[in-house]
């Protein structure tokens, strides 16, 4: 794989967050699924079997939980922006993509959004 397209994927991060436009929606935490794609060269880590040359996904997940769980959000878009900003500043990937999935309405599996930030 070309280093410019190398991606570290973290799928199905379960977060319980207070998200919603109405105050009653934010009164209780709801299950949110977060999927993250971090773009960075992975060859140095793979060739040297060296964690310091990649992103420790356990640290990324723990950091996202600590950052997002205590907050209240009106929009899932705000969750995605804060997650992307944190990952970019903390781990310095070339780019990050964040996909948020939320059970929003009866009769649909989920609603969500995906953002990519360089």
C-alpha atoms as a PDB file:
ATOM      1  CA  UNK A   1       0.000   0.000   0.000  1.00  0.00           C
ATOM      2  CA  UNK A   2       1.219   3.466  -0.805  1.00  0.00           C
ATOM      3  CA  UNK A   3       2.211   5.393   2.342  1.00  0.00           C
ATOM      4  CA  UNK A   4      -0.044   8.239   1.241  1.00  0.00           C
ATOM      5  CA  UNK A   5      -3.044   5.929   1.517  1.00  0.00           C
ATOM      6  CA  UNK A   6      -2.089   3.991   4.652  1.00  0.00           C
ATOM      7  CA  UNK A   7      -4.895   4.031   7.205  1.00  0.00           C
ATOM      8  CA  UNK A   8      -5.288   2.903  10.787  1.00  0.00           C
ATOM      9  CA  UNK A   9      -8.944   2.009  11.398  1.00  0.00           C
ATOM     10  CA  UNK A  10     -10.802   1.954  14.707  1.00  0.00           C
ATOM     11  CA  UNK A  11     -14.377   0.771  14.273  1.00  0.00           C
ATOM     12  CA  UNK A  12     -17.319   0.524  16.631  1.00  0.00           C
ATOM     13  CA  UNK A  13     -16.123   2.682  19.513  1.00  0.00           C
ATOM     14  CA  UNK A  14     -19.103   2.674  21.849  1.00  0.00           C
ATOM     15  CA  UNK A  15     -19.657   5.918  23.709  1.00  0.00           C
ATOM     16  CA  UNK A  16     -22.553   6.899  25.950  1.00  0.00           C
ATOM     17  CA  UNK A  17     -23.033  10.614  25.354  1.00  0.00           C
ATOM     18  CA  UNK A  18     -25.648  13.242  26.049  1.00  0.00           C
ATOM     19  CA  UNK A  19     -26.551  14.327  22.510  1.00  0.00           C
ATOM     20  CA  UNK A  20     -29.695  15.956  21.156  1.00  0.00           C
ATOM     21  CA  UNK A  21     -31.372  19.192  20.148  1.00  0.00           C
ATOM     22  CA  UNK A  22     -33.986  19.007  22.919  1.00  0.00           C
ATOM     23  CA  UNK A  23     -32.999  19.256  26.596  1.00  0.00           C
ATOM     24  CA  UNK A  24     -34.985  16.068  27.312  1.00  0.00           C
ATOM     25  CA  UNK A  25     -32.841  14.285  24.705  1.00  0.00           C
ATOM     26  CA  UNK A  26     -29.687  15.413  26.512  1.00  0.00           C
ATOM     27  CA  UNK A  27     -31.008  14.419  29.927  1.00  0.00           C
ATOM     28  CA  UNK A  28     -29.723  10.855  29.555  1.00  0.00           C
ATOM     29  CA  UNK A  29     -26.715   9.413  27.803  1.00  0.00           C
ATOM     30  CA  UNK A  30     -27.381   7.684  24.492  1.00  0.00           C
ATOM     31  CA  UNK A  31     -25.298   5.070  22.714  1.00  0.00           C
ATOM     32  CA  UNK A  32     -23.195   6.582  19.962  1.00  0.00           C
ATOM     33  CA  UNK A  33     -20.937   4.577  17.685  1.00  0.00           C
ATOM     34  CA  UNK A  34     -17.754   6.265  16.575  1.00  0.00           C
ATOM     35  CA  UNK A  35     -15.614   4.980  13.701  1.00  0.00           C
ATOM     36  CA  UNK A  36     -12.231   6.573  13.111  1.00  0.00           C
ATOM     37  CA  UNK A  37      -9.787   6.411  10.211  1.00  0.00           C
ATOM     38  CA  UNK A  38      -6.343   7.876  10.810  1.00  0.00           C
ATOM     39  CA  UNK A  39      -4.150   8.448   7.758  1.00  0.00           C
ATOM     40  CA  UNK A  40      -0.436   8.065   8.372  1.00  0.00           C
ATOM     41  CA  UNK A  41       2.528   6.098   6.992  1.00  0.00           C
ATOM     42  CA  UNK A  42       2.352   2.613   8.505  1.00  0.00           C
ATOM     43  CA  UNK A  43       5.445   1.095   6.855  1.00  0.00           C
ATOM     44  CA  UNK A  44       7.902   2.274   9.550  1.00  0.00           C
ATOM     45  CA  UNK A  45       5.843   0.605  12.287  1.00  0.00           C
ATOM     46  CA  UNK A  46       5.284  -2.553  10.271  1.00  0.00           C
ATOM     47  CA  UNK A  47       8.869  -2.954   9.106  1.00  0.00           C
ATOM     48  CA  UNK A  48      10.286  -2.389  12.593  1.00  0.00           C
ATOM     49  CA  UNK A  49       7.428  -3.908  14.647  1.00  0.00           C
ATOM     50  CA  UNK A  50       7.549  -0.660  16.625  1.00  0.00           C
ATOM     51  CA  UNK A  51       4.495   0.860  18.330  1.00  0.00           C
ATOM     52  CA  UNK A  52       6.229   4.225  18.684  1.00  0.00           C
ATOM     53  CA  UNK A  53       6.113   4.617  14.883  1.00  0.00           C
ATOM     54  CA  UNK A  54       2.321   4.414  14.696  1.00  0.00           C
ATOM     55  CA  UNK A  55      -0.708   5.498  16.715  1.00  0.00           C
ATOM     56  CA  UNK A  56      -1.603   3.490  19.799  1.00  0.00           C
ATOM     57  CA  UNK A  57      -5.306   2.920  19.162  1.00  0.00           C
ATOM     58  CA  UNK A  58      -5.947   2.022  22.806  1.00  0.00           C
ATOM     59  CA  UNK A  59      -4.628   5.460  23.816  1.00  0.00           C
ATOM     60  CA  UNK A  60      -6.712   7.126  21.087  1.00  0.00           C
ATOM     61  CA  UNK A  61      -9.918   5.416  22.253  1.00  0.00           C
ATOM     62  CA  UNK A  62      -9.255   6.191  25.917  1.00  0.00           C
ATOM     63  CA  UNK A  63      -8.521   9.823  25.078  1.00  0.00           C
ATOM     64  CA  UNK A  64     -11.754  10.148  23.092  1.00  0.00           C
ATOM     65  CA  UNK A  65     -13.748   8.663  25.978  1.00  0.00           C
ATOM     66  CA  UNK A  66     -12.194  11.039  28.503  1.00  0.00           C
ATOM     67  CA  UNK A  67     -12.755  14.032  26.238  1.00  0.00           C
ATOM     68  CA  UNK A  68     -16.307  13.378  25.049  1.00  0.00           C
ATOM     69  CA  UNK A  69     -18.140  11.490  27.802  1.00  0.00           C
ATOM     70  CA  UNK A  70     -18.471  14.342  30.331  1.00  0.00           C
ATOM     71  CA  UNK A  71     -19.875  16.824  27.790  1.00  0.00           C
ATOM     72  CA  UNK A  72     -23.364  17.625  26.485  1.00  0.00           C
ATOM     73  CA  UNK A  73     -23.855  18.146  22.760  1.00  0.00           C
ATOM     74  CA  UNK A  74     -26.764  19.424  20.694  1.00  0.00           C
ATOM     75  CA  UNK A  75     -25.450  17.910  17.471  1.00  0.00           C
ATOM     76  CA  UNK A  76     -23.564  14.749  16.611  1.00  0.00           C
ATOM     77  CA  UNK A  77     -21.650  16.972  14.171  1.00  0.00           C
ATOM     78  CA  UNK A  78     -20.117  18.692  17.207  1.00  0.00           C
ATOM     79  CA  UNK A  79     -19.052  15.297  18.577  1.00  0.00           C
ATOM     80  CA  UNK A  80     -17.366  14.493  15.253  1.00  0.00           C
ATOM     81  CA  UNK A  81     -15.573  17.858  15.097  1.00  0.00           C
ATOM     82  CA  UNK A  82     -14.250  17.597  18.655  1.00  0.00           C
ATOM     83  CA  UNK A  83     -13.119  14.011  18.094  1.00  0.00           C
ATOM     84  CA  UNK A  84     -11.306  14.923  14.869  1.00  0.00           C
ATOM     85  CA  UNK A  85      -9.678  17.977  16.443  1.00  0.00           C
ATOM     86  CA  UNK A  86      -8.447  15.938  19.422  1.00  0.00           C
ATOM     87  CA  UNK A  87      -7.009  13.160  17.250  1.00  0.00           C
ATOM     88  CA  UNK A  88      -5.258  15.605  14.916  1.00  0.00           C
ATOM     89  CA  UNK A  89      -3.672  17.573  17.759  1.00  0.00           C
ATOM     90  CA  UNK A  90      -2.757  14.604  19.957  1.00  0.00           C
ATOM     91  CA  UNK A  91      -1.540  12.042  17.401  1.00  0.00           C
ATOM     92  CA  UNK A  92      -0.631  14.177  14.358  1.00  0.00           C
ATOM     93  CA  UNK A  93      -1.941  11.943  11.538  1.00  0.00           C
ATOM     94  CA  UNK A  94      -1.996  13.356   7.990  1.00  0.00           C
ATOM     95  CA  UNK A  95      -5.790  13.331   8.150  1.00  0.00           C
ATOM     96  CA  UNK A  96      -8.609  11.878  10.199  1.00  0.00           C
ATOM     97  CA  UNK A  97     -12.074  10.702   9.217  1.00  0.00           C
ATOM     98  CA  UNK A  98     -14.759  10.379  11.879  1.00  0.00           C
ATOM     99  CA  UNK A  99     -18.045   8.585  11.263  1.00  0.00           C
ATOM    100  CA  UNK A 100     -20.749   9.015  13.909  1.00  0.00           C
ATOM    101  CA  UNK A 101     -23.731   6.662  14.100  1.00  0.00           C
ATOM    102  CA  UNK A 102     -26.706   7.359  16.349  1.00  0.00           C
ATOM    103  CA  UNK A 103     -30.041   5.604  16.719  1.00  0.00           C
ATOM    104  CA  UNK A 104     -32.084   8.673  15.950  1.00  0.00           C
ATOM    105  CA  UNK A 105     -35.571   7.582  14.958  1.00  0.00           C
ATOM    106  CA  UNK A 106     -37.747   4.502  15.192  1.00  0.00           C
ATOM    107  CA  UNK A 107     -37.681   2.508  11.973  1.00  0.00           C
ATOM    108  CA  UNK A 108     -34.105   3.321  10.933  1.00  0.00           C
ATOM    109  CA  UNK A 109     -30.899   1.566  11.925  1.00  0.00           C
ATOM    110  CA  UNK A 110     -29.025   4.801  12.481  1.00  0.00           C
ATOM    111  CA  UNK A 111     -28.439   8.341  11.347  1.00  0.00           C
ATOM    112  CA  UNK A 112     -25.061   9.926  11.282  1.00  0.00           C
ATOM    113  CA  UNK A 113     -22.393  11.879   9.530  1.00  0.00           C
ATOM    114  CA  UNK A 114     -18.854  11.501   8.361  1.00  0.00           C
ATOM    115  CA  UNK A 115     -16.231  14.230   8.316  1.00  0.00           C
ATOM    116  CA  UNK A 116     -12.644  14.223   7.087  1.00  0.00           C
ATOM    117  CA  UNK A 117     -10.161  16.752   8.354  1.00  0.00           C
ATOM    118  CA  UNK A 118      -6.565  17.142   7.085  1.00  0.00           C
END
